[in-house]
PDB file of N, CA and C in Angstrom:
ATOM      1  N   MET A   1     132.970 147.903 149.104  1.00  0.00           N
ATOM      2  CA  MET A   1     134.379 148.227 148.887  1.00  0.00           C
ATOM      3  C   MET A   1     135.055 148.039 150.268  1.00  0.00           C
ATOM      4  N   THR A   2     136.167 147.366 150.290  1.00  0.00           N
ATOM      5  CA  THR A   2     136.887 147.172 151.528  1.00  0.00           C
ATOM      6  C   THR A   2     137.522 148.490 151.964  1.00  0.00           C
ATOM      7  N   ASN A   3     137.962 148.490 153.211  1.00  0.00           N
ATOM      8  CA  ASN A   3     138.685 149.694 153.769  1.00  0.00           C
ATOM      9  C   ASN A   3     139.920 150.020 152.919  1.00  0.00           C
ATOM     10  N   LYS A   4     140.730 149.011 152.640  1.00  0.00           N
ATOM     11  CA  LYS A   4     141.965 149.233 151.891  1.00  0.00           C
ATOM     12  C   LYS A   4     141.694 149.662 150.416  1.00  0.00           C
ATOM     13  N   GLU A   5     140.636 149.104 149.837  1.00  0.00           N
ATOM     14  CA  GLU A   5     140.256 149.548 148.486  1.00  0.00           C
ATOM     15  C   GLU A   5     139.893 151.027 148.533  1.00  0.00           C
ATOM     16  N   PHE A   6     139.077 151.411 149.518  1.00  0.00           N
ATOM     17  CA  PHE A   6     138.638 152.752 149.641  1.00  0.00           C
ATOM     18  C   PHE A   6     139.864 153.680 149.883  1.00  0.00           C
ATOM     19  N   GLU A   7     140.741 153.312 150.786  1.00  0.00           N
ATOM     20  CA  GLU A   7     141.924 154.150 151.084  1.00  0.00           C
ATOM     21  C   GLU A   7     142.762 154.340 149.852  1.00  0.00           C
ATOM     22  N   LEU A   8     142.949 153.274 149.056  1.00  0.00           N
ATOM     23  CA  LEU A   8     143.774 153.346 147.813  1.00  0.00           C
ATOM     24  C   LEU A   8     143.040 154.272 146.788  1.00  0.00           C
ATOM     25  N   LEU A   9     141.783 154.099 146.604  1.00  0.00           N
ATOM     26  CA  LEU A   9     141.030 154.938 145.659  1.00  0.00           C
ATOM     27  C   LEU A   9     141.031 156.383 146.162  1.00  0.00           C
ATOM     28  N   TYR A  10     140.821 156.600 147.420  1.00  0.00           N
ATOM     29  CA  TYR A  10     140.782 157.940 148.002  1.00  0.00           C
ATOM     30  C   TYR A  10     142.146 158.649 147.803  1.00  0.00           C
ATOM     31  N   PHE A  11     143.222 157.931 148.054  1.00  0.00           N
ATOM     32  CA  PHE A  11     144.560 158.468 147.860  1.00  0.00           C
ATOM     33  C   PHE A  11     144.832 158.858 146.429  1.00  0.00           C
ATOM     34  N   LEU A  12     144.559 157.931 145.509  1.00  0.00           N
ATOM     35  CA  LEU A  12     144.795 158.196 144.070  1.00  0.00           C
ATOM     36  C   LEU A  12     143.905 159.346 143.581  1.00  0.00           C
ATOM     37  N   ALA A  13     142.638 159.348 143.995  1.00  0.00           N
ATOM     38  CA  ALA A  13     141.713 160.418 143.546  1.00  0.00           C
ATOM     39  C   ALA A  13     142.166 161.760 144.096  1.00  0.00           C
ATOM     40  N   GLY A  14     142.794 161.752 145.235  1.00  0.00           N
ATOM     41  CA  GLY A  14     143.306 162.992 145.831  1.00  0.00           C
ATOM     42  C   GLY A  14     144.544 163.550 145.105  1.00  0.00           C
ATOM     43  N   HIS A  15     145.086 162.742 144.188  1.00  0.00           N
ATOM     44  CA  HIS A  15     146.263 163.164 143.433  1.00  0.00           C
ATOM     45  C   HIS A  15     146.039 162.841 141.972  1.00  0.00           C
ATOM     46  N   PRO A  16     145.039 163.487 141.318  1.00  0.00           N
ATOM     47  CA  PRO A  16     144.683 163.107 139.925  1.00  0.00           C
ATOM     48  C   PRO A  16     145.886 163.318 138.977  1.00  0.00           C
ATOM     49  N   ASP A  17     145.981 162.385 138.072  1.00  0.00           N
ATOM     50  CA  ASP A  17     147.004 162.436 137.020  1.00  0.00           C
ATOM     51  C   ASP A  17     148.468 162.282 137.469  1.00  0.00           C
ATOM     52  N   GLU A  18     148.678 162.064 138.775  1.00  0.00           N
ATOM     53  CA  GLU A  18     149.988 161.813 139.286  1.00  0.00           C
ATOM     54  C   GLU A  18     150.246 160.319 139.351  1.00  0.00           C
ATOM     55  N   VAL A  19     151.418 159.970 138.873  1.00  0.00           N
ATOM     56  CA  VAL A  19     151.758 158.501 138.776  1.00  0.00           C
ATOM     57  C   VAL A  19     152.446 158.092 140.045  1.00  0.00           C
ATOM     58  N   PHE A  20     152.005 156.963 140.617  1.00  0.00           N
ATOM     59  CA  PHE A  20     152.607 156.377 141.834  1.00  0.00           C
ATOM     60  C   PHE A  20     153.000 154.941 141.531  1.00  0.00           C
ATOM     61  N   SER A  21     154.218 154.603 141.926  1.00  0.00           N
ATOM     62  CA  SER A  21     154.671 153.217 141.799  1.00  0.00           C
ATOM     63  C   SER A  21     153.922 152.288 142.749  1.00  0.00           C
ATOM     64  N   LYS A  22     153.928 151.029 142.462  1.00  0.00           N
ATOM     65  CA  LYS A  22     153.312 150.115 143.360  1.00  0.00           C
ATOM     66  C   LYS A  22     153.976 150.151 144.748  1.00  0.00           C
ATOM     67  N   GLU A  23     155.247 150.375 144.782  1.00  0.00           N
ATOM     68  CA  GLU A  23     155.983 150.450 146.072  1.00  0.00           C
ATOM     69  C   GLU A  23     155.488 151.691 146.875  1.00  0.00           C
ATOM     70  N   GLN A  24     155.376 152.819 146.151  1.00  0.00           N
ATOM     71  CA  GLN A  24     154.841 154.003 146.837  1.00  0.00           C
ATOM     72  C   GLN A  24     153.486 153.830 147.379  1.00  0.00           C
ATOM     73  N   LEU A  25     152.577 153.232 146.589  1.00  0.00           N
ATOM     74  CA  LEU A  25     151.242 153.014 147.053  1.00  0.00           C
ATOM     75  C   LEU A  25     151.211 152.011 148.236  1.00  0.00           C
ATOM     76  N   PHE A  26     151.968 150.964 148.110  1.00  0.00           N
ATOM     77  CA  PHE A  26     152.002 150.007 149.228  1.00  0.00           C
ATOM     78  C   PHE A  26     152.453 150.669 150.502  1.00  0.00           C
ATOM     79  N   ASP A  27     153.535 151.437 150.466  1.00  0.00           N
ATOM     80  CA  ASP A  27     154.058 152.106 151.632  1.00  0.00           C
ATOM     81  C   ASP A  27     153.043 153.077 152.188  1.00  0.00           C
ATOM     82  N   ARG A  28     152.329 153.784 151.299  1.00  0.00           N
ATOM     83  CA  ARG A  28     151.353 154.817 151.715  1.00  0.00           C
ATOM     84  C   ARG A  28     150.118 154.244 152.348  1.00  0.00           C
ATOM     85  N   ILE A  29     149.609 153.175 151.773  1.00  0.00           N
ATOM     86  CA  ILE A  29     148.325 152.641 152.197  1.00  0.00           C
ATOM     87  C   ILE A  29     148.451 151.562 153.252  1.00  0.00           C
ATOM     88  N   TRP A  30     149.430 150.674 153.078  1.00  0.00           N
ATOM     89  CA  TRP A  30     149.622 149.577 154.070  1.00  0.00           C
ATOM     90  C   TRP A  30     150.627 149.948 155.164  1.00  0.00           C
ATOM     91  N   GLN A  31     151.423 150.971 154.892  1.00  0.00           N
ATOM     92  CA  GLN A  31     152.324 151.544 155.904  1.00  0.00           C
ATOM     93  C   GLN A  31     153.324 150.619 156.534  1.00  0.00           C
ATOM     94  N   TYR A  32     153.874 149.745 155.708  1.00  0.00           N
ATOM     95  CA  TYR A  32     155.042 148.973 156.168  1.00  0.00           C
ATOM     96  C   TYR A  32     155.887 148.614 154.925  1.00  0.00           C
ATOM     97  N   ASN A  33     157.036 148.086 155.160  1.00  0.00           N
ATOM     98  CA  ASN A  33     157.988 147.825 154.116  1.00  0.00           C
ATOM     99  C   ASN A  33     157.319 147.054 152.951  1.00  0.00           C
ATOM    100  N   SER A  34     157.451 147.538 151.729  1.00  0.00           N
ATOM    101  CA  SER A  34     156.768 146.969 150.588  1.00  0.00           C
ATOM    102  C   SER A  34     157.611 145.953 149.817  1.00  0.00           C
ATOM    103  N   LEU A  35     158.792 145.605 150.295  1.00  0.00           N
ATOM    104  CA  LEU A  35     159.625 144.690 149.594  1.00  0.00           C
ATOM    105  C   LEU A  35     158.908 143.355 149.335  1.00  0.00           C
ATOM    106  N   GLY A  36     158.700 143.059 148.080  1.00  0.00           N
ATOM    107  CA  GLY A  36     158.044 141.789 147.695  1.00  0.00           C
ATOM    108  C   GLY A  36     156.526 141.756 147.843  1.00  0.00           C
ATOM    109  N   GLU A  37     155.922 142.827 148.211  1.00  0.00           N
ATOM    110  CA  GLU A  37     154.501 142.833 148.500  1.00  0.00           C
ATOM    111  C   GLU A  37     153.659 143.666 147.503  1.00  0.00           C
ATOM    112  N   THR A  38     154.246 144.086 146.411  1.00  0.00           N
ATOM    113  CA  THR A  38     153.569 144.982 145.498  1.00  0.00           C
ATOM    114  C   THR A  38     152.412 144.320 144.783  1.00  0.00           C
ATOM    115  N   SER A  39     152.354 142.989 144.771  1.00  0.00           N
ATOM    116  CA  SER A  39     151.209 142.304 144.118  1.00  0.00           C
ATOM    117  C   SER A  39     149.911 142.624 144.861  1.00  0.00           C
ATOM    118  N   THR A  40     150.041 142.978 146.124  1.00  0.00           N
ATOM    119  CA  THR A  40     148.853 143.402 146.906  1.00  0.00           C
ATOM    120  C   THR A  40     148.214 144.636 146.251  1.00  0.00           C
ATOM    121  N   VAL A  41     149.029 145.545 145.848  1.00  0.00           N
ATOM    122  CA  VAL A  41     148.466 146.733 145.172  1.00  0.00           C
ATOM    123  C   VAL A  41     147.784 146.361 143.870  1.00  0.00           C
ATOM    124  N   THR A  42     148.373 145.527 143.098  1.00  0.00           N
ATOM    125  CA  THR A  42     147.772 145.082 141.838  1.00  0.00           C
ATOM    126  C   THR A  42     146.403 144.479 142.064  1.00  0.00           C
ATOM    127  N   VAL A  43     146.324 143.568 143.067  1.00  0.00           N
ATOM    128  CA  VAL A  43     145.061 142.899 143.414  1.00  0.00           C
ATOM    129  C   VAL A  43     143.970 143.930 143.795  1.00  0.00           C
ATOM    130  N   HIS A  44     144.325 144.893 144.646  1.00  0.00           N
ATOM    131  CA  HIS A  44     143.357 145.904 145.066  1.00  0.00           C
ATOM    132  C   HIS A  44     142.941 146.837 143.944  1.00  0.00           C
ATOM    133  N   VAL A  45     143.866 147.217 143.079  1.00  0.00           N
ATOM    134  CA  VAL A  45     143.529 148.057 141.926  1.00  0.00           C
ATOM    135  C   VAL A  45     142.531 147.297 141.018  1.00  0.00           C
ATOM    136  N   ASN A  46     142.777 146.037 140.773  1.00  0.00           N
ATOM    137  CA  ASN A  46     141.910 145.244 139.947  1.00  0.00           C
ATOM    138  C   ASN A  46     140.504 145.093 140.568  1.00  0.00           C
ATOM    139  N   ARG A  47     140.455 144.938 141.861  1.00  0.00           N
ATOM    140  CA  ARG A  47     139.148 144.863 142.532  1.00  0.00           C
ATOM    141  C   ARG A  47     138.340 146.147 142.352  1.00  0.00           C
ATOM    142  N   ILE A  48     139.078 147.281 142.542  1.00  0.00           N
ATOM    143  CA  ILE A  48     138.448 148.609 142.361  1.00  0.00           C
ATOM    144  C   ILE A  48     137.909 148.729 140.935  1.00  0.00           C
ATOM    145  N   ARG A  49     138.726 148.415 139.997  1.00  0.00           N
ATOM    146  CA  ARG A  49     138.321 148.506 138.593  1.00  0.00           C
ATOM    147  C   ARG A  49     137.081 147.625 138.336  1.00  0.00           C
ATOM    148  N   ASP A  50     137.084 146.408 138.866  1.00  0.00           N
ATOM    149  CA  ASP A  50     135.943 145.516 138.701  1.00  0.00           C
ATOM    150  C   ASP A  50     134.625 146.155 139.259  1.00  0.00           C
ATOM    151  N   LYS A  51     134.738 146.781 140.392  1.00  0.00           N
ATOM    152  CA  LYS A  51     133.571 147.382 140.992  1.00  0.00           C
ATOM    153  C   LYS A  51     133.040 148.548 140.171  1.00  0.00           C
ATOM    154  N   PHE A  52     133.947 149.336 139.618  1.00  0.00           N
ATOM    155  CA  PHE A  52     133.513 150.456 138.777  1.00  0.00           C
ATOM    156  C   PHE A  52     132.921 149.938 137.456  1.00  0.00           C
ATOM    157  N   LYS A  53     133.456 148.876 136.930  1.00  0.00           N
ATOM    158  CA  LYS A  53     132.935 148.294 135.736  1.00  0.00           C
ATOM    159  C   LYS A  53     131.500 147.738 135.910  1.00  0.00           C
ATOM    160  N   GLU A  54     131.173 147.317 137.180  1.00  0.00           N
ATOM    161  CA  GLU A  54     129.816 146.865 137.453  1.00  0.00           C
ATOM    162  C   GLU A  54     128.840 148.034 137.278  1.00  0.00           C
ATOM    163  N   LEU A  55     129.298 149.223 137.550  1.00  0.00           N
ATOM    164  CA  LEU A  55     128.446 150.441 137.417  1.00  0.00           C
ATOM    165  C   LEU A  55     128.400 150.929 135.991  1.00  0.00           C
ATOM    166  N   ASP A  56     129.554 150.903 135.296  1.00  0.00           N
ATOM    167  CA  ASP A  56     129.594 151.360 133.931  1.00  0.00           C
ATOM    168  C   ASP A  56     130.814 150.709 133.266  1.00  0.00           C
ATOM    169  N   SER A  57     130.530 149.910 132.247  1.00  0.00           N
ATOM    170  CA  SER A  57     131.625 149.135 131.641  1.00  0.00           C
ATOM    171  C   SER A  57     132.679 150.032 130.995  1.00  0.00           C
ATOM    172  N   ASN A  58     132.336 151.275 130.729  1.00  0.00           N
ATOM    173  CA  ASN A  58     133.340 152.162 130.108  1.00  0.00           C
ATOM    174  C   ASN A  58     134.071 153.032 131.099  1.00  0.00           C
ATOM    175  N   LEU A  59     133.778 152.889 132.380  1.00  0.00           N
ATOM    176  CA  LEU A  59     134.413 153.709 133.386  1.00  0.00           C
ATOM    177  C   LEU A  59     135.799 153.184 133.707  1.00  0.00           C
ATOM    178  N   ASP A  60     136.811 153.982 133.422  1.00  0.00           N
ATOM    179  CA  ASP A  60     138.228 153.599 133.552  1.00  0.00           C
ATOM    180  C   ASP A  60     138.933 154.717 134.315  1.00  0.00           C
ATOM    181  N   LEU A  61     138.919 154.647 135.619  1.00  0.00           N
ATOM    182  CA  LEU A  61     139.483 155.746 136.413  1.00  0.00           C
ATOM    183  C   LEU A  61     140.943 155.570 136.838  1.00  0.00           C
ATOM    184  N   ILE A  62     141.335 154.307 136.995  1.00  0.00           N
ATOM    185  CA  ILE A  62     142.714 154.034 137.388  1.00  0.00           C
ATOM    186  C   ILE A  62     143.453 153.456 136.218  1.00  0.00           C
ATOM    187  N   HIS A  63     144.407 154.225 135.713  1.00  0.00           N
ATOM    188  CA  HIS A  63     145.177 153.811 134.545  1.00  0.00           C
ATOM    189  C   HIS A  63     146.522 153.228 134.957  1.00  0.00           C
ATOM    190  N   THR A  64     146.927 152.229 134.238  1.00  0.00           N
ATOM    191  CA  THR A  64     148.259 151.699 134.411  1.00  0.00           C
ATOM    192  C   THR A  64     149.222 152.455 133.544  1.00  0.00           C
ATOM    193  N   VAL A  65     150.312 152.917 134.117  1.00  0.00           N
ATOM    194  CA  VAL A  65     151.358 153.559 133.341  1.00  0.00           C
ATOM    195  C   VAL A  65     152.533 152.565 133.367  1.00  0.00           C
ATOM    196  N   TRP A  66     152.626 151.865 132.214  1.00  0.00           N
ATOM    197  CA  TRP A  66     153.538 150.719 132.102  1.00  0.00           C
ATOM    198  C   TRP A  66     154.984 151.113 132.524  1.00  0.00           C
ATOM    199  N   GLY A  67     155.518 150.307 133.382  1.00  0.00           N
ATOM    200  CA  GLY A  67     156.859 150.508 133.879  1.00  0.00           C
ATOM    201  C   GLY A  67     157.008 151.530 134.982  1.00  0.00           C
ATOM    202  N   ARG A  68     155.886 152.217 135.324  1.00  0.00           N
ATOM    203  CA  ARG A  68     155.919 153.253 136.334  1.00  0.00           C
ATOM    204  C   ARG A  68     154.952 153.028 137.511  1.00  0.00           C
ATOM    205  N   GLY A  69     153.713 152.659 137.183  1.00  0.00           N
ATOM    206  CA  GLY A  69     152.760 152.463 138.253  1.00  0.00           C
ATOM    207  C   GLY A  69     151.310 152.757 137.842  1.00  0.00           C
ATOM    208  N   TYR A  70     150.564 153.440 138.701  1.00  0.00           N
ATOM    209  CA  TYR A  70     149.175 153.743 138.459  1.00  0.00           C
ATOM    210  C   TYR A  70     148.876 155.236 138.659  1.00  0.00           C
ATOM    211  N   ARG A  71     147.855 155.689 137.919  1.00  0.00           N
ATOM    212  CA  ARG A  71     147.395 157.070 138.102  1.00  0.00           C
ATOM    213  C   ARG A  71     145.870 157.092 138.041  1.00  0.00           C
ATOM    214  N   PHE A  72     145.271 158.042 138.771  1.00  0.00           N
ATOM    215  CA  PHE A  72     143.847 158.264 138.725  1.00  0.00           C
ATOM    216  C   PHE A  72     143.545 159.334 137.702  1.00  0.00           C
ATOM    217  N   VAL A  73     142.661 159.004 136.781  1.00  0.00           N
ATOM    218  CA  VAL A  73     142.260 159.976 135.775  1.00  0.00           C
ATOM    219  C   VAL A  73     140.751 160.226 135.961  1.00  0.00           C
ATOM    220  N   PRO A  74     140.397 161.408 136.420  1.00  0.00           N
ATOM    221  CA  PRO A  74     138.972 161.695 136.698  1.00  0.00           C
ATOM    222  C   PRO A  74     138.119 161.584 135.489  1.00  0.00           C
ATOM    223  N   ALA A  75     136.943 161.052 135.643  1.00  0.00           N
ATOM    224  CA  ALA A  75     135.956 161.043 134.589  1.00  0.00           C
ATOM    225  C   ALA A  75     135.335 162.413 134.522  1.00  0.00           C
ATOM    226  N   THR A  76     135.033 162.914 133.327  1.00  0.00           N
ATOM    227  CA  THR A  76     134.452 164.220 133.205  1.00  0.00           C
ATOM    228  C   THR A  76     133.121 164.126 132.484  1.00  0.00           C
ATOM    229  N   VAL A  77     132.203 164.990 132.884  1.00  0.00           N
ATOM    230  CA  VAL A  77     130.923 165.120 132.240  1.00  0.00           C
ATOM    231  C   VAL A  77     130.642 166.608 132.116  1.00  0.00           C
ATOM    232  N   ARG A  78     129.707 166.928 131.247  1.00  0.00           N
ATOM    233  CA  ARG A  78     129.271 168.279 131.091  1.00  0.00           C
ATOM    234  C   ARG A  78     127.977 168.433 131.784  1.00  0.00           C
ATOM    235  N   ASP A  79     127.884 169.432 132.681  1.00  0.00           N
ATOM    236  CA  ASP A  79     126.594 169.693 133.306  1.00  0.00           C
ATOM    237  C   ASP A  79     125.672 170.478 132.367  1.00  0.00           C
ATOM    238  N   VAL A  80     124.498 170.879 132.812  1.00  0.00           N
ATOM    239  CA  VAL A  80     123.529 171.524 131.939  1.00  0.00           C
ATOM    240  C   VAL A  80     124.049 172.844 131.398  1.00  0.00           C
ATOM    241  N   THR A  81     125.023 173.464 132.063  1.00  0.00           N
ATOM    242  CA  THR A  81     125.550 174.758 131.602  1.00  0.00           C
ATOM    243  C   THR A  81     126.733 174.536 130.637  1.00  0.00           C
ATOM    244  N   GLY A  82     127.124 173.268 130.437  1.00  0.00           N
ATOM    245  CA  GLY A  82     128.272 172.991 129.548  1.00  0.00           C
ATOM    246  C   GLY A  82     129.562 172.965 130.233  1.00  0.00           C
ATOM    247  N   VAL A  83     129.619 173.147 131.557  1.00  0.00           N
ATOM    248  CA  VAL A  83     130.840 173.154 132.344  1.00  0.00           C
ATOM    249  C   VAL A  83     131.303 171.692 132.607  1.00  0.00           C
ATOM    250  N   GLN A  84     132.557 171.408 132.370  1.00  0.00           N
ATOM    251  CA  GLN A  84     133.111 170.089 132.631  1.00  0.00           C
ATOM    252  C   GLN A  84     133.360 169.973 134.127  1.00  0.00           C
ATOM    253  N   THR A  85     132.918 168.826 134.661  1.00  0.00           N
ATOM    254  CA  THR A  85     133.157 168.566 136.080  1.00  0.00           C
ATOM    255  C   THR A  85     133.607 167.105 136.233  1.00  0.00           C
ATOM    256  N   CYS A  86     134.294 166.856 137.344  1.00  0.00           N
ATOM    257  CA  CYS A  86     134.721 165.509 137.666  1.00  0.00           C
ATOM    258  C   CYS A  86     133.482 164.769 138.146  1.00  0.00           C
ATOM    259  N   ALA A  87     133.353 163.570 137.669  1.00  0.00           N
ATOM    260  CA  ALA A  87     132.166 162.735 138.077  1.00  0.00           C
ATOM    261  C   ALA A  87     132.609 161.388 138.559  1.00  0.00           C
ATOM    262  N   LEU A  88     132.214 161.056 139.768  1.00  0.00           N
ATOM    263  CA  LEU A  88     132.402 159.710 140.299  1.00  0.00           C
ATOM    264  C   LEU A  88     131.048 159.175 140.633  1.00  0.00           C
ATOM    265  N   PRO A  89     130.818 157.934 140.316  1.00  0.00           N
ATOM    266  CA  PRO A  89     129.540 157.341 140.614  1.00  0.00           C
ATOM    267  C   PRO A  89     129.343 157.194 142.114  1.00  0.00           C
ATOM    268  N   ILE A  90     128.138 157.253 142.582  1.00  0.00           N
ATOM    269  CA  ILE A  90     127.851 157.019 143.988  1.00  0.00           C
ATOM    270  C   ILE A  90     128.095 155.558 144.304  1.00  0.00           C
ATOM    271  N   SER A  91     128.783 155.289 145.400  1.00  0.00           N
ATOM    272  CA  SER A  91     129.195 153.963 145.669  1.00  0.00           C
ATOM    273  C   SER A  91     128.026 153.076 146.199  1.00  0.00           C
ATOM    274  N   PRO A  92     127.742 151.926 145.523  1.00  0.00           N
ATOM    275  CA  PRO A  92     126.732 151.046 146.018  1.00  0.00           C
ATOM    276  C   PRO A  92     127.285 150.241 147.232  1.00  0.00           C
ATOM    277  N   TRP A  93     128.585 150.401 147.480  1.00  0.00           N
ATOM    278  CA  TRP A  93     129.208 149.667 148.552  1.00  0.00           C
ATOM    279  C   TRP A  93     129.290 150.424 149.861  1.00  0.00           C
ATOM    280  N   ARG A  94     128.689 151.631 149.866  1.00  0.00           N
ATOM    281  CA  ARG A  94     128.768 152.469 151.034  1.00  0.00           C
ATOM    282  C   ARG A  94     128.278 151.699 152.272  1.00  0.00           C
ATOM    283  N   GLY A  95     129.054 151.806 153.357  1.00  0.00           N
ATOM    284  CA  GLY A  95     128.698 151.109 154.541  1.00  0.00           C
ATOM    285  C   GLY A  95     129.217 149.713 154.685  1.00  0.00           C
ATOM    286  N   GLN A  96     129.719 149.114 153.616  1.00  0.00           N
ATOM    287  CA  GLN A  96     130.298 147.777 153.641  1.00  0.00           C
ATOM    288  C   GLN A  96     131.790 147.914 153.900  1.00  0.00           C
ATOM    289  N   SER A  97     132.341 147.065 154.709  1.00  0.00           N
ATOM    290  CA  SER A  97     133.745 147.147 154.951  1.00  0.00           C
ATOM    291  C   SER A  97     134.271 145.742 155.170  1.00  0.00           C
ATOM    292  N   ASP A  98     135.605 145.656 155.049  1.00  0.00           N
ATOM    293  CA  ASP A  98     136.245 144.400 155.248  1.00  0.00           C
ATOM    294  C   ASP A  98     137.516 144.683 156.103  1.00  0.00           C
ATOM    295  N   SER A  99     137.513 144.284 157.327  1.00  0.00           N
ATOM    296  CA  SER A  99     138.653 144.633 158.185  1.00  0.00           C
ATOM    297  C   SER A  99     139.954 143.938 157.743  1.00  0.00           C
ATOM    298  N   HIS A 100     139.784 142.954 156.861  1.00  0.00           N
ATOM    299  CA  HIS A 100     140.972 142.216 156.401  1.00  0.00           C
ATOM    300  C   HIS A 100     141.603 142.874 155.150  1.00  0.00           C
ATOM    301  N   GLY A 101     140.931 143.884 154.545  1.00  0.00           N
ATOM    302  CA  GLY A 101     141.266 144.482 153.300  1.00  0.00           C
ATOM    303  C   GLY A 101     142.603 145.004 153.184  1.00  0.00           C
TER     304      GLY A 101
END
């Protein structure tokens, strides 16, 4: 996972169920004027989704909210006691980075 993909995922996961526009995400992660650059967000979201689908084809953590933006919806599982907890797969990309991300 590239640095920017990780930053985007980390930011969204830190604000579960909150909807962010492409412009807001671009400003927050890339930290410069987002005019005309929102396709960058779309590309990075799709790359993150592809990587999670490699782990589990049913894993859908970043939802598109049509006309508004994206939101992170935590996956839940029940532990042995029956308690629901947020579950994220361990990243097989740990330690890999892309300075161009």
